[in-house]
Amino acid sequence: MVSRYGRRIRNLAEKADLQRRASYECPKCNKVKVRRKCYAIWKCRSCGSVFAGGAYSFTTPFGETAKRLLKESS
């Protein structure tokens, strides 16, 4: 990701880029093998499961809230 013109914008872009490239823990096999396949699509390299998530990170704050509310209601 390329950004210009301002330190704050460059820092935000770098943070998003690091989140995009990171590996996340798979909810099914519990291995740290989930990588971004394309925009908001994440795939586990171990078990092959495909997940929908955030654009630049595997989970979003709204998704975490929804998961917590579902867990509390059941």
N, C-alpha and C. Protein backbone atom coordinates (compact mmCIF):
# COMPACT_ATOMS: atom_id res chain seq x y z
N MET A 1 0.85 -1.16 0.00
CA MET A 1 0.00 0.00 0.00
C MET A 1 0.90 1.23 0.00
N VAL A 2 0.60 2.15 -0.88
CA VAL A 2 1.41 3.35 -1.00
C VAL A 2 0.58 4.54 -0.56
N SER A 3 1.12 5.30 0.35
CA SER A 3 0.44 6.53 0.75
C SER A 3 1.48 7.64 0.82
N ARG A 4 1.01 8.84 0.56
CA ARG A 4 1.91 9.99 0.59
C ARG A 4 1.27 11.10 1.39
N TYR A 5 2.01 12.14 1.60
CA TYR A 5 1.50 13.40 2.12
C TYR A 5 0.97 13.31 3.54
N GLY A 6 1.83 13.07 4.47
CA GLY A 6 1.45 13.17 5.86
C GLY A 6 1.89 11.97 6.68
N ARG A 7 2.42 12.28 7.82
CA ARG A 7 2.94 11.24 8.70
C ARG A 7 1.82 10.36 9.25
N ARG A 8 0.71 10.97 9.64
CA ARG A 8 -0.40 10.22 10.23
C ARG A 8 -0.98 9.21 9.23
N ILE A 9 -1.16 9.64 8.00
CA ILE A 9 -1.70 8.76 6.96
C ILE A 9 -0.73 7.62 6.68
N ARG A 10 0.55 7.91 6.63
CA ARG A 10 1.55 6.85 6.40
C ARG A 10 1.54 5.85 7.54
N ASN A 11 1.42 6.33 8.79
CA ASN A 11 1.38 5.41 9.93
C ASN A 11 0.14 4.53 9.91
N LEU A 12 -1.02 5.10 9.58
CA LEU A 12 -2.25 4.32 9.49
C LEU A 12 -2.16 3.28 8.38
N ALA A 13 -1.58 3.66 7.25
CA ALA A 13 -1.44 2.74 6.14
C ALA A 13 -0.48 1.61 6.49
N GLU A 14 0.60 1.92 7.20
CA GLU A 14 1.55 0.88 7.60
C GLU A 14 0.92 -0.09 8.58
N LYS A 15 0.13 0.43 9.52
CA LYS A 15 -0.55 -0.43 10.49
C LYS A 15 -1.52 -1.39 9.79
N ALA A 16 -2.29 -0.88 8.84
CA ALA A 16 -3.22 -1.71 8.08
C ALA A 16 -2.48 -2.75 7.26
N ASP A 17 -1.36 -2.37 6.68
CA ASP A 17 -0.58 -3.29 5.86
C ASP A 17 0.02 -4.41 6.71
N LEU A 18 0.48 -4.10 7.92
CA LEU A 18 1.00 -5.13 8.81
C LEU A 18 -0.09 -6.10 9.24
N GLN A 19 -1.29 -5.58 9.52
CA GLN A 19 -2.41 -6.45 9.87
C GLN A 19 -2.79 -7.35 8.70
N ARG A 20 -2.72 -6.83 7.51
CA ARG A 20 -3.10 -7.59 6.32
C ARG A 20 -2.14 -8.75 6.08
N ARG A 21 -0.86 -8.54 6.33
CA ARG A 21 0.14 -9.58 6.08
C ARG A 21 0.30 -10.58 7.22
N ALA A 22 -0.26 -10.30 8.37
CA ALA A 22 -0.07 -11.16 9.54
C ALA A 22 -0.82 -12.48 9.39
N SER A 23 -0.40 -13.47 10.17
CA SER A 23 -1.10 -14.75 10.24
C SER A 23 -1.96 -14.75 11.49
N TYR A 24 -3.15 -15.34 11.38
CA TYR A 24 -4.09 -15.38 12.49
C TYR A 24 -4.42 -16.82 12.83
N GLU A 25 -4.98 -17.03 14.03
CA GLU A 25 -5.33 -18.36 14.48
C GLU A 25 -6.63 -18.82 13.83
N CYS A 26 -6.63 -20.03 13.33
CA CYS A 26 -7.81 -20.61 12.69
C CYS A 26 -8.82 -21.03 13.76
N PRO A 27 -10.09 -20.63 13.62
CA PRO A 27 -11.10 -21.04 14.60
C PRO A 27 -11.41 -22.53 14.56
N LYS A 28 -11.11 -23.21 13.45
CA LYS A 28 -11.43 -24.64 13.33
C LYS A 28 -10.30 -25.54 13.81
N CYS A 29 -9.09 -25.30 13.32
CA CYS A 29 -7.98 -26.21 13.67
C CYS A 29 -7.03 -25.61 14.71
N ASN A 30 -7.24 -24.36 15.13
CA ASN A 30 -6.47 -23.68 16.16
C ASN A 30 -4.97 -23.53 15.83
N LYS A 31 -4.63 -23.55 14.56
CA LYS A 31 -3.25 -23.29 14.15
C LYS A 31 -3.16 -21.86 13.63
N VAL A 32 -2.00 -21.27 13.77
CA VAL A 32 -1.79 -19.89 13.31
C VAL A 32 -1.40 -19.95 11.83
N LYS A 33 -2.39 -20.24 10.99
CA LYS A 33 -2.14 -20.42 9.56
C LYS A 33 -3.11 -19.65 8.68
N VAL A 34 -3.97 -18.81 9.25
CA VAL A 34 -4.95 -18.08 8.45
C VAL A 34 -4.27 -16.86 7.84
N ARG A 35 -4.37 -16.77 6.51
CA ARG A 35 -3.79 -15.65 5.77
C ARG A 35 -4.84 -15.04 4.87
N ARG A 36 -4.64 -13.81 4.50
CA ARG A 36 -5.58 -13.10 3.63
C ARG A 36 -5.45 -13.61 2.20
N LYS A 37 -6.57 -14.02 1.63
CA LYS A 37 -6.58 -14.49 0.25
C LYS A 37 -6.86 -13.33 -0.71
N CYS A 38 -7.88 -12.57 -0.43
CA CYS A 38 -8.20 -11.36 -1.18
C CYS A 38 -9.01 -10.47 -0.25
N TYR A 39 -9.58 -9.41 -0.76
CA TYR A 39 -10.29 -8.43 0.06
C TYR A 39 -11.36 -9.09 0.91
N ALA A 40 -11.17 -9.12 2.24
CA ALA A 40 -12.11 -9.64 3.23
C ALA A 40 -12.31 -11.14 3.16
N ILE A 41 -11.49 -11.88 2.42
CA ILE A 41 -11.56 -13.33 2.36
C ILE A 41 -10.27 -13.88 2.96
N TRP A 42 -10.41 -14.77 3.94
CA TRP A 42 -9.28 -15.32 4.67
C TRP A 42 -9.31 -16.84 4.54
N LYS A 43 -8.15 -17.47 4.37
CA LYS A 43 -8.09 -18.91 4.18
C LYS A 43 -7.02 -19.52 5.09
N CYS A 44 -7.38 -20.66 5.70
CA CYS A 44 -6.43 -21.39 6.54
C CYS A 44 -5.56 -22.25 5.63
N ARG A 45 -4.27 -22.13 5.77
CA ARG A 45 -3.34 -22.92 4.96
C ARG A 45 -3.20 -24.35 5.46
N SER A 46 -3.69 -24.63 6.65
CA SER A 46 -3.59 -25.96 7.20
C SER A 46 -4.80 -26.82 6.84
N CYS A 47 -5.99 -26.37 7.21
CA CYS A 47 -7.20 -27.18 6.99
C CYS A 47 -7.98 -26.77 5.75
N GLY A 48 -7.64 -25.63 5.13
CA GLY A 48 -8.29 -25.20 3.90
C GLY A 48 -9.60 -24.47 4.10
N SER A 49 -10.00 -24.18 5.32
CA SER A 49 -11.24 -23.46 5.58
C SER A 49 -11.14 -22.03 5.09
N VAL A 50 -12.25 -21.52 4.57
CA VAL A 50 -12.30 -20.14 4.07
C VAL A 50 -13.27 -19.35 4.94
N PHE A 51 -12.88 -18.14 5.33
CA PHE A 51 -13.67 -17.30 6.21
C PHE A 51 -13.85 -15.92 5.61
N ALA A 52 -14.97 -15.29 5.95
CA ALA A 52 -15.17 -13.88 5.63
C ALA A 52 -14.78 -13.08 6.87
N GLY A 53 -14.07 -12.01 6.68
CA GLY A 53 -13.63 -11.21 7.82
C GLY A 53 -13.50 -9.76 7.42
N GLY A 54 -12.63 -9.08 8.12
CA GLY A 54 -12.40 -7.67 7.82
C GLY A 54 -11.52 -7.52 6.59
N ALA A 55 -11.44 -6.32 6.09
CA ALA A 55 -10.64 -6.06 4.90
C ALA A 55 -9.15 -6.22 5.18
N TYR A 56 -8.70 -5.73 6.32
CA TYR A 56 -7.28 -5.77 6.62
C TYR A 56 -6.92 -6.57 7.86
N SER A 57 -7.90 -7.04 8.62
CA SER A 57 -7.64 -7.92 9.75
C SER A 57 -8.69 -9.02 9.77
N PHE A 58 -8.36 -10.13 10.38
CA PHE A 58 -9.23 -11.30 10.36
C PHE A 58 -10.56 -11.03 11.05
N THR A 59 -10.54 -10.29 12.13
CA THR A 59 -11.77 -9.94 12.82
C THR A 59 -11.90 -8.42 12.90
N THR A 60 -13.13 -7.97 13.04
CA THR A 60 -13.39 -6.54 13.18
C THR A 60 -13.98 -6.29 14.57
N PRO A 61 -13.93 -5.07 15.05
CA PRO A 61 -14.53 -4.79 16.36
C PRO A 61 -16.03 -5.12 16.40
N PHE A 62 -16.74 -4.86 15.31
CA PHE A 62 -18.16 -5.19 15.25
C PHE A 62 -18.37 -6.70 15.30
N GLY A 63 -17.53 -7.45 14.61
CA GLY A 63 -17.61 -8.91 14.64
C GLY A 63 -17.35 -9.48 16.02
N GLU A 64 -16.38 -8.92 16.73
CA GLU A 64 -16.09 -9.36 18.09
C GLU A 64 -17.28 -9.10 19.01
N THR A 65 -17.93 -7.95 18.86
CA THR A 65 -19.10 -7.62 19.67
C THR A 65 -20.25 -8.58 19.37
N ALA A 66 -20.47 -8.87 18.09
CA ALA A 66 -21.53 -9.79 17.71
C ALA A 66 -21.27 -11.19 18.26
N LYS A 67 -20.03 -11.64 18.20
CA LYS A 67 -19.68 -12.96 18.72
C LYS A 67 -19.92 -13.03 20.22
N ARG A 68 -19.54 -11.96 20.93
CA ARG A 68 -19.75 -11.92 22.38
C ARG A 68 -21.23 -11.93 22.73
N LEU A 69 -22.05 -11.16 22.00
CA LEU A 69 -23.49 -11.12 22.27
C LEU A 69 -24.15 -12.47 21.97
N LEU A 70 -23.72 -13.15 20.92
CA LEU A 70 -24.27 -14.48 20.62
C LEU A 70 -23.91 -15.48 21.70
N LYS A 71 -22.69 -15.39 22.20
CA LYS A 71 -22.26 -16.30 23.24
C LYS A 71 -23.03 -16.05 24.55
N GLU A 72 -23.28 -14.79 24.87
CA GLU A 72 -24.02 -14.45 26.09
C GLU A 72 -25.48 -14.87 26.01
N SER A 73 -26.08 -14.80 24.82
CA SER A 73 -27.51 -15.11 24.69
C SER A 73 -27.80 -16.60 24.73
N SER A 74 -26.82 -17.43 24.40
CA SER A 74 -27.08 -18.88 24.40
C SER A 74 -26.59 -19.57 25.64
